[in-house]
Amino acid sequence: MPRPITALCLFVASTGVLAAPLSGERQAQLRSLLYQDCGSCHGMRLTGGLGPALTPDALAGKSRELLLATVRDGRAGTPMPPWKKLLSEADIEWLVDYLMQPGATR
């Protein structure tokens, strides 16, 4: 049976609770990816297109966990691809948190 401190370290490592914040440069790269790559399906202003709108109003009522899983694993039976091979968990968390902020999208 793992010791409590070992279990805590494993939990923190697996959840990224103590992960360093993303640099301003990385945040800018992710914003660009959001509007260019995601925008190709979700609309260049993220107000909808082939895929649904990604505005804070459109995402209201959806859990953070659902949104993280959608970005990470994609959605079977839809054009939404999984991004887990291209983005780190910290990147995915930042994107979801950014999208959920009021006024974050144009």
C-alpha atoms as a PDB file:
ATOM      1  CA  MET A   1       0.000   0.000   0.000  1.00  0.00           C
ATOM      2  CA  PRO A   2       1.445   3.403  -0.960  1.00  0.00           C
ATOM      3  CA  ARG A   3       2.455   5.773   1.765  1.00  0.00           C
ATOM      4  CA  PRO A   4       0.296   8.901   2.034  1.00  0.00           C
ATOM      5  CA  ILE A   5       3.064  11.207   0.786  1.00  0.00           C
ATOM      6  CA  THR A   6       3.726   8.939  -2.199  1.00  0.00           C
ATOM      7  CA  ALA A   7       0.035   8.872  -3.032  1.00  0.00           C
ATOM      8  CA  LEU A   8      -0.104  12.669  -2.793  1.00  0.00           C
ATOM      9  CA  CYS A   9       2.913  13.049  -5.096  1.00  0.00           C
ATOM     10  CA  LEU A  10       1.341  10.673  -7.626  1.00  0.00           C
ATOM     11  CA  PHE A  11      -1.935  12.609  -7.470  1.00  0.00           C
ATOM     12  CA  VAL A  12      -0.209  15.959  -7.985  1.00  0.00           C
ATOM     13  CA  ALA A  13       1.884  14.590 -10.848  1.00  0.00           C
ATOM     14  CA  SER A  14      -1.147  13.100 -12.583  1.00  0.00           C
ATOM     15  CA  THR A  15      -3.368  16.185 -12.205  1.00  0.00           C
ATOM     16  CA  GLY A  16      -0.800  18.910 -12.767  1.00  0.00           C
ATOM     17  CA  VAL A  17      -2.043  20.728  -9.655  1.00  0.00           C
ATOM     18  CA  LEU A  18       1.393  22.246  -9.058  1.00  0.00           C
ATOM     19  CA  ALA A  19       2.301  22.660 -12.723  1.00  0.00           C
ATOM     20  CA  ALA A  20       4.014  25.899 -13.624  1.00  0.00           C
ATOM     21  CA  PRO A  21       1.781  28.414 -15.392  1.00  0.00           C
ATOM     22  CA  LEU A  22       2.175  28.606 -19.139  1.00  0.00           C
ATOM     23  CA  SER A  23       4.467  31.325 -20.424  1.00  0.00           C
ATOM     24  CA  GLY A  24       2.998  34.349 -22.160  1.00  0.00           C
ATOM     25  CA  GLU A  25       4.553  33.091 -25.390  1.00  0.00           C
ATOM     26  CA  ARG A  26       2.839  29.701 -25.045  1.00  0.00           C
ATOM     27  CA  GLN A  27      -0.484  31.372 -24.239  1.00  0.00           C
ATOM     28  CA  ALA A  28      -0.156  33.462 -27.424  1.00  0.00           C
ATOM     29  CA  GLN A  29       0.573  30.292 -29.419  1.00  0.00           C
ATOM     30  CA  LEU A  30      -2.500  28.605 -27.962  1.00  0.00           C
ATOM     31  CA  ARG A  31      -4.717  31.625 -28.706  1.00  0.00           C
ATOM     32  CA  SER A  32      -3.474  31.526 -32.297  1.00  0.00           C
ATOM     33  CA  LEU A  33      -4.185  27.780 -32.504  1.00  0.00           C
ATOM     34  CA  LEU A  34      -7.642  28.378 -31.072  1.00  0.00           C
ATOM     35  CA  TYR A  35      -8.644  31.011 -33.615  1.00  0.00           C
ATOM     36  CA  GLN A  36      -6.899  29.432 -36.607  1.00  0.00           C
ATOM     37  CA  ASP A  37      -7.177  25.665 -36.151  1.00  0.00           C
ATOM     38  CA  CYS A  38     -10.272  25.415 -33.959  1.00  0.00           C
ATOM     39  CA  GLY A  39     -11.787  28.388 -35.786  1.00  0.00           C
ATOM     40  CA  SER A  40     -11.692  26.492 -39.071  1.00  0.00           C
ATOM     41  CA  CYS A  41     -14.598  24.379 -37.776  1.00  0.00           C
ATOM     42  CA  HIS A  42     -16.021  26.455 -34.918  1.00  0.00           C
ATOM     43  CA  GLY A  43     -15.981  29.737 -36.852  1.00  0.00           C
ATOM     44  CA  MET A  44     -13.186  32.294 -36.964  1.00  0.00           C
ATOM     45  CA  ARG A  45     -14.883  34.183 -34.119  1.00  0.00           C
ATOM     46  CA  LEU A  46     -15.743  30.871 -32.411  1.00  0.00           C
ATOM     47  CA  THR A  47     -19.448  31.599 -32.795  1.00  0.00           C
ATOM     48  CA  GLY A  48     -20.158  28.340 -34.606  1.00  0.00           C
ATOM     49  CA  GLY A  49     -19.749  26.803 -38.020  1.00  0.00           C
ATOM     50  CA  LEU A  50     -19.305  23.120 -38.798  1.00  0.00           C
ATOM     51  CA  GLY A  51     -18.775  22.717 -35.046  1.00  0.00           C
ATOM     52  CA  PRO A  52     -20.738  24.412 -32.257  1.00  0.00           C
ATOM     53  CA  ALA A  53     -19.950  27.845 -30.849  1.00  0.00           C
ATOM     54  CA  LEU A  54     -17.156  28.024 -28.275  1.00  0.00           C
ATOM     55  CA  THR A  55     -18.169  31.288 -26.646  1.00  0.00           C
ATOM     56  CA  PRO A  56     -18.533  31.459 -22.855  1.00  0.00           C
ATOM     57  CA  ASP A  57     -22.332  31.711 -23.263  1.00  0.00           C
ATOM     58  CA  ALA A  58     -22.413  28.621 -25.484  1.00  0.00           C
ATOM     59  CA  LEU A  59     -20.258  26.679 -22.997  1.00  0.00           C
ATOM     60  CA  ALA A  60     -22.240  27.748 -19.927  1.00  0.00           C
ATOM     61  CA  GLY A  61     -23.661  24.732 -18.155  1.00  0.00           C
ATOM     62  CA  LYS A  62     -21.027  22.357 -19.538  1.00  0.00           C
ATOM     63  CA  SER A  63     -18.614  21.020 -16.971  1.00  0.00           C
ATOM     64  CA  ARG A  64     -14.921  21.741 -17.198  1.00  0.00           C
ATOM     65  CA  GLU A  65     -14.290  17.992 -17.109  1.00  0.00           C
ATOM     66  CA  LEU A  66     -16.522  17.425 -20.149  1.00  0.00           C
ATOM     67  CA  LEU A  67     -14.758  20.179 -22.080  1.00  0.00           C
ATOM     68  CA  LEU A  68     -11.311  18.859 -21.122  1.00  0.00           C
ATOM     69  CA  ALA A  69     -12.282  15.368 -22.252  1.00  0.00           C
ATOM     70  CA  THR A  70     -13.697  16.709 -25.528  1.00  0.00           C
ATOM     71  CA  VAL A  71     -10.488  18.542 -26.394  1.00  0.00           C
ATOM     72  CA  ARG A  72      -8.256  15.724 -25.154  1.00  0.00           C
ATOM     73  CA  ASP A  73     -10.142  12.771 -26.675  1.00  0.00           C
ATOM     74  CA  GLY A  74     -12.252  14.306 -29.447  1.00  0.00           C
ATOM     75  CA  ARG A  75     -15.850  13.271 -30.094  1.00  0.00           C
ATOM     76  CA  ALA A  76     -16.555   9.970 -31.803  1.00  0.00           C
ATOM     77  CA  GLY A  77     -18.856  10.237 -34.793  1.00  0.00           C
ATOM     78  CA  THR A  78     -18.043  13.928 -35.342  1.00  0.00           C
ATOM     79  CA  PRO A  79     -15.188  15.789 -37.054  1.00  0.00           C
ATOM     80  CA  MET A  80     -13.817  16.789 -33.601  1.00  0.00           C
ATOM     81  CA  PRO A  81     -10.359  15.170 -33.383  1.00  0.00           C
ATOM     82  CA  PRO A  82      -8.460  14.278 -30.224  1.00  0.00           C
ATOM     83  CA  TRP A  83      -5.733  16.810 -29.419  1.00  0.00           C
ATOM     84  CA  LYS A  84      -3.926  14.791 -26.723  1.00  0.00           C
ATOM     85  CA  LYS A  85      -1.055  13.847 -29.054  1.00  0.00           C
ATOM     86  CA  LEU A  86      -0.395  17.466 -30.015  1.00  0.00           C
ATOM     87  CA  LEU A  87      -1.136  19.359 -26.790  1.00  0.00           C
ATOM     88  CA  SER A  88      -0.035  18.794 -23.215  1.00  0.00           C
ATOM     89  CA  GLU A  89      -2.602  18.481 -20.462  1.00  0.00           C
ATOM     90  CA  ALA A  90      -1.567  21.964 -19.269  1.00  0.00           C
ATOM     91  CA  ASP A  91      -2.216  23.326 -22.772  1.00  0.00           C
ATOM     92  CA  ILE A  92      -5.653  21.719 -22.873  1.00  0.00           C
ATOM     93  CA  GLU A  93      -6.530  23.023 -19.413  1.00  0.00           C
ATOM     94  CA  TRP A  94      -5.438  26.528 -20.389  1.00  0.00           C
ATOM     95  CA  LEU A  95      -7.546  26.456 -23.579  1.00  0.00           C
ATOM     96  CA  VAL A  96     -10.664  25.282 -21.741  1.00  0.00           C
ATOM     97  CA  ASP A  97     -10.199  27.808 -18.936  1.00  0.00           C
ATOM     98  CA  TYR A  98      -9.624  30.568 -21.509  1.00  0.00           C
ATOM     99  CA  LEU A  99     -12.796  29.649 -23.397  1.00  0.00           C
ATOM    100  CA  MET A 100     -14.866  29.683 -20.209  1.00  0.00           C
ATOM    101  CA  GLN A 101     -13.778  33.215 -19.186  1.00  0.00           C
ATOM    102  CA  PRO A 102     -16.426  35.844 -19.864  1.00  0.00           C
ATOM    103  CA  GLY A 103     -15.288  38.067 -22.708  1.00  0.00           C
ATOM    104  CA  ALA A 104     -12.341  35.835 -23.617  1.00  0.00           C
ATOM    105  CA  THR A 105     -13.404  35.224 -27.200  1.00  0.00           C
ATOM    106  CA  ARG A 106     -13.762  38.046 -29.685  1.00  0.00           C
END
